[in-house]
C-alpha atoms as a PDB file:
ATOM      1  CA  MET A   1     -48.966   9.577 -10.571  1.00  0.00           C
ATOM      2  CA  GLY A   2     -45.604   9.091 -12.128  1.00  0.00           C
ATOM      3  CA  GLY A   3     -44.310  10.757 -15.266  1.00  0.00           C
ATOM      4  CA  LYS A   4     -44.190   7.504 -17.154  1.00  0.00           C
ATOM      5  CA  PHE A   5     -47.912   7.023 -16.939  1.00  0.00           C
ATOM      6  CA  PHE A   6     -48.416  10.170 -18.997  1.00  0.00           C
ATOM      7  CA  SER A   7     -45.341   9.966 -21.201  1.00  0.00           C
ATOM      8  CA  SER A   8     -47.186   8.586 -24.216  1.00  0.00           C
ATOM      9  CA  LYS A   9     -50.422  10.502 -23.626  1.00  0.00           C
ATOM     10  CA  SER A  10     -51.552  13.580 -25.391  1.00  0.00           C
ATOM     11  CA  VAL A  11     -52.236  16.761 -23.501  1.00  0.00           C
ATOM     12  CA  SER A  12     -56.013  16.273 -23.910  1.00  0.00           C
ATOM     13  CA  GLU A  13     -55.801  12.678 -22.615  1.00  0.00           C
ATOM     14  CA  VAL A  14     -53.773  13.784 -19.570  1.00  0.00           C
ATOM     15  CA  ALA A  15     -56.132  16.745 -18.882  1.00  0.00           C
ATOM     16  CA  GLU A  16     -59.101  14.450 -19.152  1.00  0.00           C
ATOM     17  CA  ALA A  17     -57.527  11.948 -16.749  1.00  0.00           C
ATOM     18  CA  LEU A  18     -56.937  14.759 -14.201  1.00  0.00           C
ATOM     19  CA  ASN A  19     -60.448  16.222 -14.868  1.00  0.00           C
ATOM     20  CA  ILE A  20     -59.070  19.528 -15.880  1.00  0.00           C
ATOM     21  CA  GLY A  21     -59.029  21.549 -19.089  1.00  0.00           C
ATOM     22  CA  ASP A  22     -56.188  21.537 -21.568  1.00  0.00           C
ATOM     23  CA  GLY A  23     -55.467  25.257 -20.815  1.00  0.00           C
ATOM     24  CA  MET A  24     -55.132  24.577 -17.130  1.00  0.00           C
ATOM     25  CA  LEU A  25     -52.751  21.763 -17.784  1.00  0.00           C
ATOM     26  CA  TYR A  26     -50.564  23.943 -20.023  1.00  0.00           C
ATOM     27  CA  ALA A  27     -50.617  26.720 -17.415  1.00  0.00           C
ATOM     28  CA  TRP A  28     -49.583  24.188 -14.598  1.00  0.00           C
ATOM     29  CA  VAL A  29     -46.705  22.889 -16.748  1.00  0.00           C
ATOM     30  CA  ARG A  30     -45.595  26.430 -17.554  1.00  0.00           C
ATOM     31  CA  LYS A  31     -45.598  27.401 -13.866  1.00  0.00           C
ATOM     32  CA  SER A  32     -43.833  24.134 -12.885  1.00  0.00           C
ATOM     33  CA  GLN A  33     -41.065  24.837 -15.434  1.00  0.00           C
ATOM     34  CA  ASN A  34     -40.815  28.337 -14.248  1.00  0.00           C
ATOM     35  CA  ALA A  35     -40.558  27.248 -10.658  1.00  0.00           C
ATOM     36  CA  SER A  36     -37.859  24.744 -11.462  1.00  0.00           C
ATOM     37  CA  HIS A  37     -35.909  27.455 -13.460  1.00  0.00           C
ATOM     38  CA  LEU A  38     -36.162  29.846 -10.479  1.00  0.00           C
ATOM     39  CA  LYS A  39     -34.972  27.197  -8.036  1.00  0.00           C
ATOM     40  CA  LEU A  40     -31.982  26.551 -10.225  1.00  0.00           C
ATOM     41  CA  GLU A  41     -31.242  30.271 -10.487  1.00  0.00           C
ATOM     42  CA  ASN A  42     -31.513  30.655  -6.779  1.00  0.00           C
ATOM     43  CA  ASP A  43     -29.116  27.726  -6.135  1.00  0.00           C
ATOM     44  CA  ILE A  44     -26.628  29.325  -8.488  1.00  0.00           C
ATOM     45  CA  LEU A  45     -26.863  32.670  -6.815  1.00  0.00           C
ATOM     46  CA  LYS A  46     -26.393  31.064  -3.393  1.00  0.00           C
ATOM     47  CA  LYS A  47     -23.244  29.368  -4.608  1.00  0.00           C
ATOM     48  CA  ALA A  48     -21.955  32.575  -6.029  1.00  0.00           C
ATOM     49  CA  ALA A  49     -22.623  34.318  -2.773  1.00  0.00           C
ATOM     50  CA  VAL A  50     -20.560  31.681  -0.851  1.00  0.00           C
ATOM     51  CA  ILE A  51     -17.778  32.010  -3.366  1.00  0.00           C
ATOM     52  CA  LEU A  52     -17.761  35.758  -3.147  1.00  0.00           C
ATOM     53  CA  GLY A  53     -17.895  35.644   0.599  1.00  0.00           C
ATOM     54  CA  THR A  54     -21.237  37.344   1.033  1.00  0.00           C
ATOM     55  CA  ASN A  55     -24.280  36.149   2.901  1.00  0.00           C
ATOM     56  CA  PRO A  56     -27.392  35.581   0.929  1.00  0.00           C
ATOM     57  CA  GLN A  57     -30.365  37.770   2.018  1.00  0.00           C
ATOM     58  CA  PRO A  58     -32.891  35.940   4.196  1.00  0.00           C
ATOM     59  CA  ARG A  59     -36.261  35.125   2.554  1.00  0.00           C
ATOM     60  CA  THR A  60     -39.109  37.320   3.560  1.00  0.00           C
ATOM     61  CA  ALA A  61     -42.631  36.141   4.012  1.00  0.00           C
ATOM     62  CA  ARG A  62     -45.067  37.171   1.414  1.00  0.00           C
END
């Protein structure tokens, strides 16, 4: 499913096509945007760590 398929659709139409509720679609979009923001922030912090000569902390399993 590409983004262009849904670009002209309403939230209700997209949710119906995915067989989910509008609220669930909004929640998924919000989480996706948040994840994108966190990835960008993490990339910036990694670059700053390299510039400052520090090693980024290894990720821990949750």
